[in-house]
Amino acid sequence: MGSVSNFILRRLALSVVTIWVISVISYVIIQLPPGDFVSSYVAQLAQSGAIGSGDDLARLRADYGLDQPMFIRYAHWAWGVLRGNLGWSLDWGRPVADLIGERIGMTLLLSLTALALSWILALPIAVYCAANRGTPGDYFFATLGLTGVALPNFLLSLGVMYVGYRWFNLDFSEVHSPQYATAPPSLGKGLDLLWHLLTPALILGLATTARLIRVLRANLLDELEKPYIVTARAKGMRELNLILKYPLRVALNPFVSTIGMTLPQLVSGSIIVSLVMNLPTVGPLLLRALQAQDMFLASGILLILATLTVLGTLVSDLLLAWLDPRIRLAA
């Protein structure tokens, strides 16, 4: 029990340090390009023919704290984050926490649904392919997997939206049916939301599903060649039962370790999908923040993505330690 507690404490401490390092790197990188929000604002004024004076621009920089050195700006921002204040969006003129809070729920729901669908689809398909190596079904799923990896999800989104609207009169950009659009929260509204998110979640998770199938299939095939499996097969054990009882748990180690990378990939990958399908996630918000050089909003979103990455990795470590006690004893 003590080894388990020490393992968890070490991982938590490492997670905190990692989030801090990522916050510094992301904050600095966002401000590396020339110019700032005021420069972008001046460019907009120039396009409209209303150019502010030099004193106005200097006052704006002073009001937004852009006239201070970068390390001082980061210190103010980091201290605010520790108190739950992510700063003020220069572009929207609203608190960053409010802007992200309006969209983070939909973002996490879409990403977690895509992750769950990826696991639900990849696990049985990979087991089937490993148990039926070289059959037409194996080749079919291998081809489907390569297509899923190679096909950009935004192109698939366009195709699905066209087919749905052209032949089935379906609008995949809506997250609620008309009768639930203005209705108060309820079980029916929640189920309706999940139903509407099913299509974008499948689109978003297709490439992840294809990669997971390939990883788990390869791991299972490697385990099936080991002596203990050959011995069990020689004793007459059915192939499917043999896979489920022995090698599957061992093969799940690399499968589980991908959670830390998969979740943030789904969140960041939803940017283009959300733009194409007009979904209210943080993806379009991050894109606009980067274009406008809204450093506080962009830093806040990137900090959340980094936290998701670290939390996903932590979950992966804990699951791996549960699956294989040797990991937590050696860590």
C-alpha atoms as a PDB file:
ATOM      1  CA  MET A   1       0.000   0.000   0.000  1.00  0.00           C
ATOM      2  CA  GLY A   2       2.881   2.330   0.780  1.00  0.00           C
ATOM      3  CA  SER A   3       4.403   1.796  -2.664  1.00  0.00           C
ATOM      4  CA  VAL A   4       1.091   2.716  -4.278  1.00  0.00           C
ATOM      5  CA  SER A   5       0.825   5.937  -2.240  1.00  0.00           C
ATOM      6  CA  ASN A   6       4.403   6.897  -3.048  1.00  0.00           C
ATOM      7  CA  PHE A   7       3.782   6.209  -6.727  1.00  0.00           C
ATOM      8  CA  ILE A   8       0.713   8.471  -6.780  1.00  0.00           C
ATOM      9  CA  LEU A   9       2.424  11.256  -4.794  1.00  0.00           C
ATOM     10  CA  ARG A  10       5.445  11.239  -7.114  1.00  0.00           C
ATOM     11  CA  ARG A  11       3.212  11.443 -10.167  1.00  0.00           C
ATOM     12  CA  LEU A  12       1.154  14.298  -8.667  1.00  0.00           C
ATOM     13  CA  ALA A  13       4.286  16.298  -7.803  1.00  0.00           C
ATOM     14  CA  LEU A  14       5.692  15.749 -11.282  1.00  0.00           C
ATOM     15  CA  SER A  15       2.361  16.814 -12.804  1.00  0.00           C
ATOM     16  CA  VAL A  16       2.360  20.143 -10.935  1.00  0.00           C
ATOM     17  CA  VAL A  17       5.917  20.937 -12.039  1.00  0.00           C
ATOM     18  CA  THR A  18       5.119  19.951 -15.637  1.00  0.00           C
ATOM     19  CA  ILE A  19       2.055  22.222 -15.775  1.00  0.00           C
ATOM     20  CA  TRP A  20       4.122  25.148 -14.481  1.00  0.00           C
ATOM     21  CA  VAL A  21       6.880  24.593 -17.063  1.00  0.00           C
ATOM     22  CA  ILE A  22       4.345  24.328 -19.886  1.00  0.00           C
ATOM     23  CA  SER A  23       2.611  27.523 -18.734  1.00  0.00           C
ATOM     24  CA  VAL A  24       5.916  29.429 -18.938  1.00  0.00           C
ATOM     25  CA  ILE A  25       6.807  28.030 -22.361  1.00  0.00           C
ATOM     26  CA  SER A  26       3.351  28.632 -23.860  1.00  0.00           C
ATOM     27  CA  TYR A  27       3.131  32.181 -22.455  1.00  0.00           C
ATOM     28  CA  VAL A  28       6.532  33.081 -23.905  1.00  0.00           C
ATOM     29  CA  ILE A  29       5.933  31.476 -27.310  1.00  0.00           C
ATOM     30  CA  ILE A  30       2.606  33.276 -27.766  1.00  0.00           C
ATOM     31  CA  GLN A  31       4.400  36.612 -27.424  1.00  0.00           C
ATOM     32  CA  LEU A  32       7.403  35.774 -29.623  1.00  0.00           C
ATOM     33  CA  PRO A  33       5.851  36.941 -32.933  1.00  0.00           C
ATOM     34  CA  PRO A  34       6.359  40.656 -33.614  1.00  0.00           C
ATOM     35  CA  GLY A  35       3.616  42.989 -32.468  1.00  0.00           C
ATOM     36  CA  ASP A  36       0.883  42.539 -29.892  1.00  0.00           C
ATOM     37  CA  PHE A  37      -2.842  43.005 -29.472  1.00  0.00           C
ATOM     38  CA  VAL A  38      -2.516  46.773 -29.788  1.00  0.00           C
ATOM     39  CA  SER A  39      -0.661  46.351 -33.081  1.00  0.00           C
ATOM     40  CA  SER A  40      -3.486  44.163 -34.394  1.00  0.00           C
ATOM     41  CA  TYR A  41      -6.004  46.715 -33.138  1.00  0.00           C
ATOM     42  CA  VAL A  42      -4.142  49.520 -34.924  1.00  0.00           C
ATOM     43  CA  ALA A  43      -4.175  47.494 -38.142  1.00  0.00           C
ATOM     44  CA  GLN A  44      -7.950  47.184 -37.865  1.00  0.00           C
ATOM     45  CA  LEU A  45      -8.263  50.922 -37.300  1.00  0.00           C
ATOM     46  CA  ALA A  46      -6.090  51.580 -40.341  1.00  0.00           C
ATOM     47  CA  GLN A  47      -8.354  49.429 -42.497  1.00  0.00           C
ATOM     48  CA  SER A  48     -11.385  51.414 -41.365  1.00  0.00           C
ATOM     49  CA  GLY A  49      -9.599  54.748 -41.845  1.00  0.00           C
ATOM     50  CA  ALA A  50      -9.631  55.686 -38.143  1.00  0.00           C
ATOM     51  CA  ILE A  51      -6.026  55.712 -36.951  1.00  0.00           C
ATOM     52  CA  GLY A  52      -5.321  56.572 -33.327  1.00  0.00           C
ATOM     53  CA  SER A  53      -2.548  58.858 -32.182  1.00  0.00           C
ATOM     54  CA  GLY A  54       0.735  57.693 -30.679  1.00  0.00           C
ATOM     55  CA  ASP A  55      -0.442  58.818 -27.242  1.00  0.00           C
ATOM     56  CA  ASP A  56      -3.594  56.711 -27.597  1.00  0.00           C
ATOM     57  CA  LEU A  57      -1.560  53.649 -28.498  1.00  0.00           C
ATOM     58  CA  ALA A  58       0.834  54.192 -25.592  1.00  0.00           C
ATOM     59  CA  ARG A  59      -2.112  54.564 -23.207  1.00  0.00           C
ATOM     60  CA  LEU A  60      -3.670  51.362 -24.518  1.00  0.00           C
ATOM     61  CA  ARG A  61      -0.436  49.460 -23.975  1.00  0.00           C
ATOM     62  CA  ALA A  62      -0.202  50.857 -20.462  1.00  0.00           C
ATOM     63  CA  ASP A  63      -3.843  49.975 -19.729  1.00  0.00           C
ATOM     64  CA  TYR A  64      -3.314  46.375 -20.883  1.00  0.00           C
ATOM     65  CA  GLY A  65       0.062  46.097 -19.163  1.00  0.00           C
ATOM     66  CA  LEU A  66       1.851  45.540 -22.468  1.00  0.00           C
ATOM     67  CA  ASP A  67       4.471  48.175 -21.666  1.00  0.00           C
ATOM     68  CA  GLN A  68       5.951  45.996 -18.899  1.00  0.00           C
ATOM     69  CA  PRO A  69       8.682  43.348 -19.319  1.00  0.00           C
ATOM     70  CA  MET A  70       7.484  39.864 -20.217  1.00  0.00           C
ATOM     71  CA  PHE A  71       8.500  38.229 -16.935  1.00  0.00           C
ATOM     72  CA  ILE A  72       6.482  40.797 -14.970  1.00  0.00           C
ATOM     73  CA  ARG A  73       3.445  40.197 -17.167  1.00  0.00           C
ATOM     74  CA  TYR A  74       3.812  36.448 -16.673  1.00  0.00           C
ATOM     75  CA  ALA A  75       4.160  36.843 -12.900  1.00  0.00           C
ATOM     76  CA  HIS A  76       0.926  38.891 -12.748  1.00  0.00           C
ATOM     77  CA  TRP A  77      -0.885  36.380 -14.961  1.00  0.00           C
ATOM     78  CA  ALA A  78       0.405  33.319 -13.036  1.00  0.00           C
ATOM     79  CA  TRP A  79      -0.536  34.862  -9.677  1.00  0.00           C
ATOM     80  CA  GLY A  80      -4.025  35.514 -11.029  1.00  0.00           C
ATOM     81  CA  VAL A  81      -4.305  31.908 -12.264  1.00  0.00           C
ATOM     82  CA  LEU A  82      -3.430  30.617  -8.797  1.00  0.00           C
ATOM     83  CA  ARG A  83      -6.332  32.675  -7.447  1.00  0.00           C
ATOM     84  CA  GLY A  84      -8.680  31.416 -10.168  1.00  0.00           C
ATOM     85  CA  ASN A  85      -8.415  34.517 -12.369  1.00  0.00           C
ATOM     86  CA  LEU A  86      -7.279  33.706 -15.922  1.00  0.00           C
ATOM     87  CA  GLY A  87      -7.126  37.369 -16.890  1.00  0.00           C
ATOM     88  CA  TRP A  88      -9.068  39.685 -19.164  1.00  0.00           C
ATOM     89  CA  SER A  89      -9.633  38.996 -22.853  1.00  0.00           C
ATOM     90  CA  LEU A  90      -8.342  42.003 -24.781  1.00  0.00           C
ATOM     91  CA  ASP A  91     -10.292  41.074 -27.902  1.00  0.00           C
ATOM     92  CA  TRP A  92     -13.643  40.229 -26.322  1.00  0.00           C
ATOM     93  CA  GLY A  93     -13.493  42.660 -23.417  1.00  0.00           C
ATOM     94  CA  ARG A  94     -14.624  39.939 -21.010  1.00  0.00           C
ATOM     95  CA  PRO A  95     -13.005  37.727 -18.361  1.00  0.00           C
ATOM     96  CA  VAL A  96     -11.163  34.792 -19.897  1.00  0.00           C
ATOM     97  CA  ALA A  97     -12.698  32.389 -17.374  1.00  0.00           C
ATOM     98  CA  ASP A  98     -16.211  33.342 -18.537  1.00  0.00           C
ATOM     99  CA  LEU A  99     -15.368  32.856 -22.212  1.00  0.00           C
ATOM    100  CA  ILE A 100     -13.750  29.469 -21.637  1.00  0.00           C
ATOM    101  CA  GLY A 101     -16.432  28.417 -19.152  1.00  0.00           C
ATOM    102  CA  GLU A 102     -19.129  28.896 -21.790  1.00  0.00           C
ATOM    103  CA  ARG A 103     -17.433  26.421 -24.136  1.00  0.00           C
ATOM    104  CA  ILE A 104     -15.277  24.067 -22.088  1.00  0.00           C
ATOM    105  CA  GLY A 105     -18.215  21.818 -21.165  1.00  0.00           C
ATOM    106  CA  MET A 106     -19.124  21.212 -24.808  1.00  0.00           C
ATOM    107  CA  THR A 107     -15.438  20.733 -25.671  1.00  0.00           C
ATOM    108  CA  LEU A 108     -14.849  18.112 -22.984  1.00  0.00           C
ATOM    109  CA  LEU A 109     -18.120  16.329 -23.747  1.00  0.00           C
ATOM    110  CA  LEU A 110     -17.255  16.123 -27.452  1.00  0.00           C
ATOM    111  CA  SER A 111     -13.677  14.991 -26.772  1.00  0.00           C
ATOM    112  CA  LEU A 112     -14.613  12.415 -24.119  1.00  0.00           C
ATOM    113  CA  THR A 113     -17.386  11.052 -26.349  1.00  0.00           C
ATOM    114  CA  ALA A 114     -14.890  10.713 -29.207  1.00  0.00           C
ATOM    115  CA  LEU A 115     -12.416   8.997 -26.852  1.00  0.00           C
ATOM    116  CA  ALA A 116     -15.057   6.585 -25.542  1.00  0.00           C
ATOM    117  CA  LEU A 117     -16.215   5.725 -29.061  1.00  0.00           C
ATOM    118  CA  SER A 118     -12.612   5.159 -30.119  1.00  0.00           C
ATOM    119  CA  TRP A 119     -12.085   2.651 -27.321  1.00  0.00           C
ATOM    120  CA  ILE A 120     -15.455   0.961 -27.807  1.00  0.00           C
ATOM    121  CA  LEU A 121     -14.788   0.466 -31.522  1.00  0.00           C
ATOM    122  CA  ALA A 122     -11.042  -0.216 -31.450  1.00  0.00           C
ATOM    123  CA  LEU A 123     -10.986  -2.901 -28.752  1.00  0.00           C
ATOM    124  CA  PRO A 124     -13.294  -5.518 -30.341  1.00  0.00           C
ATOM    125  CA  ILE A 125     -12.035  -4.786 -33.874  1.00  0.00           C
ATOM    126  CA  ALA A 126      -8.390  -5.241 -32.825  1.00  0.00           C
ATOM    127  CA  VAL A 127      -9.220  -8.501 -31.022  1.00  0.00           C
ATOM    128  CA  TYR A 128     -11.091  -9.744 -34.100  1.00  0.00           C
ATOM    129  CA  CYS A 129      -8.217  -8.840 -36.421  1.00  0.00           C
ATOM    130  CA  ALA A 130      -5.667 -10.547 -34.170  1.00  0.00           C
ATOM    131  CA  ALA A 131      -7.793 -13.692 -33.891  1.00  0.00           C
ATOM    132  CA  ASN A 132      -8.423 -13.762 -37.664  1.00  0.00           C
ATOM    133  CA  ARG A 133      -5.088 -12.659 -39.038  1.00  0.00           C
ATOM    134  CA  GLY A 134      -4.876 -12.696 -42.839  1.00  0.00           C
ATOM    135  CA  THR A 135      -8.632 -13.077 -43.410  1.00  0.00           C
ATOM    136  CA  PRO A 136     -10.701 -10.731 -45.608  1.00  0.00           C
ATOM    137  CA  GLY A 137     -12.107  -9.126 -42.465  1.00  0.00           C
ATOM    138  CA  ASP A 138      -8.596  -8.365 -41.219  1.00  0.00           C
ATOM    139  CA  TYR A 139      -7.661  -6.785 -44.548  1.00  0.00           C
ATOM    140  CA  PHE A 140     -10.912  -4.805 -44.599  1.00  0.00           C
ATOM    141  CA  PHE A 141     -10.301  -3.252 -41.195  1.00  0.00           C
ATOM    142  CA  ALA A 142      -6.635  -2.623 -42.047  1.00  0.00           C
ATOM    143  CA  THR A 143      -7.703  -0.705 -45.152  1.00  0.00           C
ATOM    144  CA  LEU A 144     -10.341   1.159 -43.167  1.00  0.00           C
ATOM    145  CA  GLY A 145      -7.711   2.056 -40.566  1.00  0.00           C
ATOM    146  CA  LEU A 146      -5.296   3.430 -43.146  1.00  0.00           C
ATOM    147  CA  THR A 147      -8.137   5.465 -44.645  1.00  0.00           C
ATOM    148  CA  GLY A 148      -9.031   6.840 -41.218  1.00  0.00           C
ATOM    149  CA  VAL A 149      -5.447   7.953 -40.574  1.00  0.00           C
ATOM    150  CA  ALA A 150      -4.948   9.460 -44.035  1.00  0.00           C
ATOM    151  CA  LEU A 151      -8.308  11.223 -44.414  1.00  0.00           C
ATOM    152  CA  PRO A 152      -8.331  14.738 -42.845  1.00  0.00           C
ATOM    153  CA  ASN A 153     -11.201  15.091 -40.395  1.00  0.00           C
ATOM    154  CA  PHE A 154     -12.222  18.488 -41.785  1.00  0.00           C
ATOM    155  CA  LEU A 155     -12.658  16.911 -45.247  1.00  0.00           C
ATOM    156  CA  LEU A 156     -14.712  14.127 -43.727  1.00  0.00           C
ATOM    157  CA  SER A 157     -16.786  16.773 -41.899  1.00  0.00           C
ATOM    158  CA  LEU A 158     -17.550  18.557 -45.167  1.00  0.00           C
ATOM    159  CA  GLY A 159     -18.528  15.289 -46.822  1.00  0.00           C
ATOM    160  CA  VAL A 160     -20.795  14.202 -43.969  1.00  0.00           C
ATOM    161  CA  MET A 161     -22.486  17.613 -43.787  1.00  0.00           C
ATOM    162  CA  TYR A 162     -23.099  17.624 -47.546  1.00  0.00           C
ATOM    163  CA  VAL A 163     -24.519  14.102 -47.607  1.00  0.00           C
ATOM    164  CA  GLY A 164     -26.641  14.720 -44.526  1.00  0.00           C
ATOM    165  CA  TYR A 165     -28.110  17.962 -45.850  1.00  0.00           C
ATOM    166  CA  ARG A 166     -28.425  16.856 -49.491  1.00  0.00           C
ATOM    167  CA  TRP A 167     -30.095  13.487 -49.067  1.00  0.00           C
ATOM    168  CA  PHE A 168     -31.360  13.301 -45.478  1.00  0.00           C
ATOM    169  CA  ASN A 169     -32.183  16.951 -44.707  1.00  0.00           C
ATOM    170  CA  LEU A 170     -30.025  16.832 -41.564  1.00  0.00           C
ATOM    171  CA  ASP A 171     -28.156  19.814 -40.130  1.00  0.00           C
ATOM    172  CA  PHE A 172     -25.140  18.529 -38.197  1.00  0.00           C
ATOM    173  CA  SER A 173     -24.207  22.034 -37.044  1.00  0.00           C
ATOM    174  CA  GLU A 174     -27.065  21.999 -34.530  1.00  0.00           C
ATOM    175  CA  VAL A 175     -26.350  20.545 -31.087  1.00  0.00           C
ATOM    176  CA  HIS A 176     -30.014  20.364 -30.065  1.00  0.00           C
ATOM    177  CA  SER A 177     -33.290  19.516 -31.718  1.00  0.00           C
ATOM    178  CA  PRO A 178     -35.646  22.502 -32.170  1.00  0.00           C
ATOM    179  CA  GLN A 179     -37.856  21.418 -29.257  1.00  0.00           C
ATOM    180  CA  TYR A 180     -34.855  21.376 -26.892  1.00  0.00           C
ATOM    181  CA  ALA A 181     -33.037  24.495 -28.145  1.00  0.00           C
ATOM    182  CA  THR A 182     -34.513  26.799 -25.471  1.00  0.00           C
ATOM    183  CA  ALA A 183     -35.715  24.152 -23.015  1.00  0.00           C
ATOM    184  CA  PRO A 184     -34.314  24.020 -19.455  1.00  0.00           C
ATOM    185  CA  PRO A 185     -31.781  21.302 -18.594  1.00  0.00           C
ATOM    186  CA  SER A 186     -33.321  17.835 -18.375  1.00  0.00           C
ATOM    187  CA  LEU A 187     -32.512  14.211 -19.055  1.00  0.00           C
ATOM    188  CA  GLY A 188     -34.191  14.409 -22.440  1.00  0.00           C
ATOM    189  CA  LYS A 189     -32.148  17.460 -23.411  1.00  0.00           C
ATOM    190  CA  GLY A 190     -28.940  15.743 -22.314  1.00  0.00           C
ATOM    191  CA  LEU A 191     -29.693  12.635 -24.365  1.00  0.00           C
ATOM    192  CA  ASP A 192     -30.604  14.830 -27.323  1.00  0.00           C
ATOM    193  CA  LEU A 193     -27.243  16.605 -26.997  1.00  0.00           C
ATOM    194  CA  LEU A 194     -25.360  13.292 -26.938  1.00  0.00           C
ATOM    195  CA  TRP A 195     -27.272  12.133 -30.008  1.00  0.00           C
ATOM    196  CA  HIS A 196     -26.309  15.270 -31.939  1.00  0.00           C
ATOM    197  CA  LEU A 197     -22.669  15.000 -30.814  1.00  0.00           C
ATOM    198  CA  LEU A 198     -22.421  11.394 -31.979  1.00  0.00           C
ATOM    199  CA  THR A 199     -21.614  12.295 -35.595  1.00  0.00           C
ATOM    200  CA  PRO A 200     -18.910  14.922 -34.883  1.00  0.00           C
ATOM    201  CA  ALA A 201     -17.461  12.613 -32.203  1.00  0.00           C
ATOM    202  CA  LEU A 202     -17.184   9.775 -34.729  1.00  0.00           C
ATOM    203  CA  ILE A 203     -15.527  12.121 -37.214  1.00  0.00           C
ATOM    204  CA  LEU A 204     -13.135  13.444 -34.586  1.00  0.00           C
ATOM    205  CA  GLY A 205     -12.275  10.009 -33.231  1.00  0.00           C
ATOM    206  CA  LEU A 206     -11.883   8.155 -36.540  1.00  0.00           C
ATOM    207  CA  ALA A 207      -8.119   8.642 -36.832  1.00  0.00           C
ATOM    208  CA  THR A 208      -7.653   7.809 -33.146  1.00  0.00           C
ATOM    209  CA  THR A 209      -9.694   4.632 -33.577  1.00  0.00           C
ATOM    210  CA  ALA A 210      -7.576   3.582 -36.546  1.00  0.00           C
ATOM    211  CA  ARG A 211      -4.322   4.142 -34.634  1.00  0.00           C
ATOM    212  CA  LEU A 212      -5.580   2.257 -31.567  1.00  0.00           C
ATOM    213  CA  ILE A 213      -6.630  -0.706 -33.708  1.00  0.00           C
ATOM    214  CA  ARG A 214      -3.184  -0.930 -35.276  1.00  0.00           C
ATOM    215  CA  VAL A 215      -1.387  -0.635 -31.909  1.00  0.00           C
ATOM    216  CA  LEU A 216      -3.505  -3.217 -30.094  1.00  0.00           C
ATOM    217  CA  ARG A 217      -3.516  -5.641 -33.026  1.00  0.00           C
ATOM    218  CA  ALA A 218       0.274  -5.503 -33.274  1.00  0.00           C
ATOM    219  CA  ASN A 219       0.651  -6.012 -29.513  1.00  0.00           C
ATOM    220  CA  LEU A 220      -1.729  -8.979 -29.518  1.00  0.00           C
ATOM    221  CA  LEU A 221       0.008 -10.635 -32.456  1.00  0.00           C
ATOM    222  CA  ASP A 222       3.337 -10.259 -30.663  1.00  0.00           C
ATOM    223  CA  GLU A 223       1.942 -11.887 -27.516  1.00  0.00           C
ATOM    224  CA  LEU A 224       0.293 -14.711 -29.474  1.00  0.00           C
ATOM    225  CA  GLU A 225       3.706 -15.943 -30.616  1.00  0.00           C
ATOM    226  CA  LYS A 226       5.063 -16.422 -27.083  1.00  0.00           C
ATOM    227  CA  PRO A 227       5.550 -19.908 -25.594  1.00  0.00           C
ATOM    228  CA  TYR A 228       2.835 -19.715 -22.934  1.00  0.00           C
ATOM    229  CA  ILE A 229       0.253 -18.951 -25.626  1.00  0.00           C
ATOM    230  CA  VAL A 230       1.507 -21.743 -27.852  1.00  0.00           C
ATOM    231  CA  THR A 231       1.214 -24.138 -24.916  1.00  0.00           C
ATOM    232  CA  ALA A 232      -2.357 -23.027 -24.115  1.00  0.00           C
ATOM    233  CA  ARG A 233      -3.304 -23.369 -27.780  1.00  0.00           C
ATOM    234  CA  ALA A 234      -1.783 -26.858 -27.934  1.00  0.00           C
ATOM    235  CA  LYS A 235      -3.983 -27.899 -24.995  1.00  0.00           C
ATOM    236  CA  GLY A 236      -7.039 -27.119 -27.121  1.00  0.00           C
ATOM    237  CA  MET A 237      -8.083 -23.714 -25.735  1.00  0.00           C
ATOM    238  CA  ARG A 238     -10.294 -21.741 -28.110  1.00  0.00           C
ATOM    239  CA  GLU A 239      -8.505 -18.851 -29.819  1.00  0.00           C
ATOM    240  CA  LEU A 240     -10.908 -16.115 -28.687  1.00  0.00           C
ATOM    241  CA  ASN A 241     -10.956 -17.311 -25.076  1.00  0.00           C
ATOM    242  CA  LEU A 242      -7.181 -17.594 -25.148  1.00  0.00           C
ATOM    243  CA  ILE A 243      -6.796 -13.976 -26.320  1.00  0.00           C
ATOM    244  CA  LEU A 244      -9.223 -12.593 -23.781  1.00  0.00           C
ATOM    245  CA  LYS A 245      -7.778 -14.519 -20.823  1.00  0.00           C
ATOM    246  CA  TYR A 246      -4.029 -14.066 -21.265  1.00  0.00           C
ATOM    247  CA  PRO A 247      -2.465 -11.694 -23.829  1.00  0.00           C
ATOM    248  CA  LEU A 248      -5.133  -8.992 -23.887  1.00  0.00           C
ATOM    249  CA  ARG A 249      -4.226  -7.608 -20.478  1.00  0.00           C
ATOM    250  CA  VAL A 250      -0.529  -7.489 -21.371  1.00  0.00           C
ATOM    251  CA  ALA A 251      -1.262  -5.919 -24.765  1.00  0.00           C
ATOM    252  CA  LEU A 252      -3.369  -3.218 -23.121  1.00  0.00           C
ATOM    253  CA  ASN A 253      -0.292  -1.523 -21.610  1.00  0.00           C
ATOM    254  CA  PRO A 254       0.693   0.459 -24.733  1.00  0.00           C
ATOM    255  CA  PHE A 255      -3.010   0.880 -25.485  1.00  0.00           C
ATOM    256  CA  VAL A 256      -3.671   2.567 -22.134  1.00  0.00           C
ATOM    257  CA  SER A 257      -0.498   4.669 -22.356  1.00  0.00           C
ATOM    258  CA  THR A 258      -1.943   6.579 -25.311  1.00  0.00           C
ATOM    259  CA  ILE A 259      -4.627   8.269 -23.171  1.00  0.00           C
ATOM    260  CA  GLY A 260      -2.260  11.071 -22.180  1.00  0.00           C
ATOM    261  CA  MET A 261      -1.697  12.015 -25.824  1.00  0.00           C
ATOM    262  CA  THR A 262      -5.127  11.176 -27.204  1.00  0.00           C
ATOM    263  CA  LEU A 263      -7.272  13.498 -25.077  1.00  0.00           C
ATOM    264  CA  PRO A 264      -5.415  16.761 -25.876  1.00  0.00           C
ATOM    265  CA  GLN A 265      -5.117  15.670 -29.514  1.00  0.00           C
ATOM    266  CA  LEU A 266      -8.886  15.324 -29.669  1.00  0.00           C
ATOM    267  CA  VAL A 267      -9.398  18.725 -28.031  1.00  0.00           C
ATOM    268  CA  SER A 268      -6.923  20.504 -30.318  1.00  0.00           C
ATOM    269  CA  GLY A 269      -8.057  18.490 -33.346  1.00  0.00           C
ATOM    270  CA  SER A 270     -11.610  19.666 -32.805  1.00  0.00           C
ATOM    271  CA  ILE A 271     -10.608  23.209 -33.856  1.00  0.00           C
ATOM    272  CA  ILE A 272     -11.087  22.628 -37.589  1.00  0.00           C
ATOM    273  CA  VAL A 273     -14.006  20.239 -37.095  1.00  0.00           C
ATOM    274  CA  SER A 274     -15.744  22.805 -34.876  1.00  0.00           C
ATOM    275  CA  LEU A 275     -15.148  25.547 -37.440  1.00  0.00           C
ATOM    276  CA  VAL A 276     -16.541  23.429 -40.271  1.00  0.00           C
ATOM    277  CA  MET A 277     -19.521  22.133 -38.289  1.00  0.00           C
ATOM    278  CA  ASN A 278     -20.076  25.389 -36.339  1.00  0.00           C
ATOM    279  CA  LEU A 279     -19.781  23.742 -32.927  1.00  0.00           C
ATOM    280  CA  PRO A 280     -19.481  25.929 -29.787  1.00  0.00           C
ATOM    281  CA  THR A 281     -16.146  24.575 -28.494  1.00  0.00           C
ATOM    282  CA  VAL A 282     -12.929  26.308 -27.420  1.00  0.00           C
ATOM    283  CA  GLY A 283     -11.293  25.483 -30.768  1.00  0.00           C
ATOM    284  CA  PRO A 284     -12.634  28.477 -32.736  1.00  0.00           C
ATOM    285  CA  LEU A 285     -12.057  30.629 -29.641  1.00  0.00           C
ATOM    286  CA  LEU A 286      -8.357  29.668 -29.573  1.00  0.00           C
ATOM    287  CA  LEU A 287      -7.963  30.329 -33.295  1.00  0.00           C
ATOM    288  CA  ARG A 288      -9.443  33.818 -32.973  1.00  0.00           C
ATOM    289  CA  ALA A 289      -7.295  34.540 -29.900  1.00  0.00           C
ATOM    290  CA  LEU A 290      -4.126  33.607 -31.791  1.00  0.00           C
ATOM    291  CA  GLN A 291      -5.117  35.691 -34.807  1.00  0.00           C
ATOM    292  CA  ALA A 292      -5.849  38.734 -32.630  1.00  0.00           C
ATOM    293  CA  GLN A 293      -2.775  38.087 -30.411  1.00  0.00           C
ATOM    294  CA  ASP A 294      -5.076  38.011 -27.388  1.00  0.00           C
ATOM    295  CA  MET A 295      -2.347  36.609 -25.141  1.00  0.00           C
ATOM    296  CA  PHE A 296      -4.420  36.131 -21.979  1.00  0.00           C
ATOM    297  CA  LEU A 297      -7.199  34.202 -23.735  1.00  0.00           C
ATOM    298  CA  ALA A 298      -4.744  32.097 -25.754  1.00  0.00           C
ATOM    299  CA  SER A 299      -2.602  31.406 -22.680  1.00  0.00           C
ATOM    300  CA  GLY A 300      -5.658  30.382 -20.673  1.00  0.00           C
ATOM    301  CA  ILE A 301      -6.823  27.910 -23.322  1.00  0.00           C
ATOM    302  CA  LEU A 302      -3.329  26.479 -23.808  1.00  0.00           C
ATOM    303  CA  LEU A 303      -2.969  26.102 -20.041  1.00  0.00           C
ATOM    304  CA  ILE A 304      -6.172  24.056 -19.984  1.00  0.00           C
ATOM    305  CA  LEU A 305      -4.930  21.906 -22.885  1.00  0.00           C
ATOM    306  CA  ALA A 306      -1.642  21.364 -21.043  1.00  0.00           C
ATOM    307  CA  THR A 307      -3.534  20.421 -17.884  1.00  0.00           C
ATOM    308  CA  LEU A 308      -5.600  17.919 -19.858  1.00  0.00           C
ATOM    309  CA  THR A 309      -2.407  16.426 -21.261  1.00  0.00           C
ATOM    310  CA  VAL A 310      -0.853  16.069 -17.811  1.00  0.00           C
ATOM    311  CA  LEU A 311      -4.056  14.687 -16.295  1.00  0.00           C
ATOM    312  CA  GLY A 312      -4.395  12.230 -19.173  1.00  0.00           C
ATOM    313  CA  THR A 313      -0.825  11.086 -18.629  1.00  0.00           C
ATOM    314  CA  LEU A 314      -1.478  10.751 -14.899  1.00  0.00           C
ATOM    315  CA  VAL A 315      -4.555   8.616 -15.580  1.00  0.00           C
ATOM    316  CA  SER A 316      -2.481   6.510 -17.987  1.00  0.00           C
ATOM    317  CA  ASP A 317       0.213   5.983 -15.330  1.00  0.00           C
ATOM    318  CA  LEU A 318      -2.336   4.961 -12.713  1.00  0.00           C
ATOM    319  CA  LEU A 319      -4.104   2.559 -15.078  1.00  0.00           C
ATOM    320  CA  LEU A 320      -0.790   1.057 -16.161  1.00  0.00           C
ATOM    321  CA  ALA A 321       0.229   0.605 -12.529  1.00  0.00           C
ATOM    322  CA  TRP A 322      -3.083  -1.142 -11.896  1.00  0.00           C
ATOM    323  CA  LEU A 323      -2.673  -3.399 -14.926  1.00  0.00           C
ATOM    324  CA  ASP A 324       0.989  -4.185 -14.245  1.00  0.00           C
ATOM    325  CA  PRO A 325       2.216  -3.896 -10.602  1.00  0.00           C
ATOM    326  CA  ARG A 326       5.836  -4.051 -11.829  1.00  0.00           C
ATOM    327  CA  ILE A 327       5.456  -0.486 -13.120  1.00  0.00           C
ATOM    328  CA  ARG A 328       4.605   1.098  -9.786  1.00  0.00           C
ATOM    329  CA  LEU A 329       7.267  -0.922  -7.980  1.00  0.00           C
ATOM    330  CA  ALA A 330       9.942   0.131 -10.455  1.00  0.00           C
ATOM    331  CA  ALA A 331       8.842   3.785 -10.661  1.00  0.00           C
END
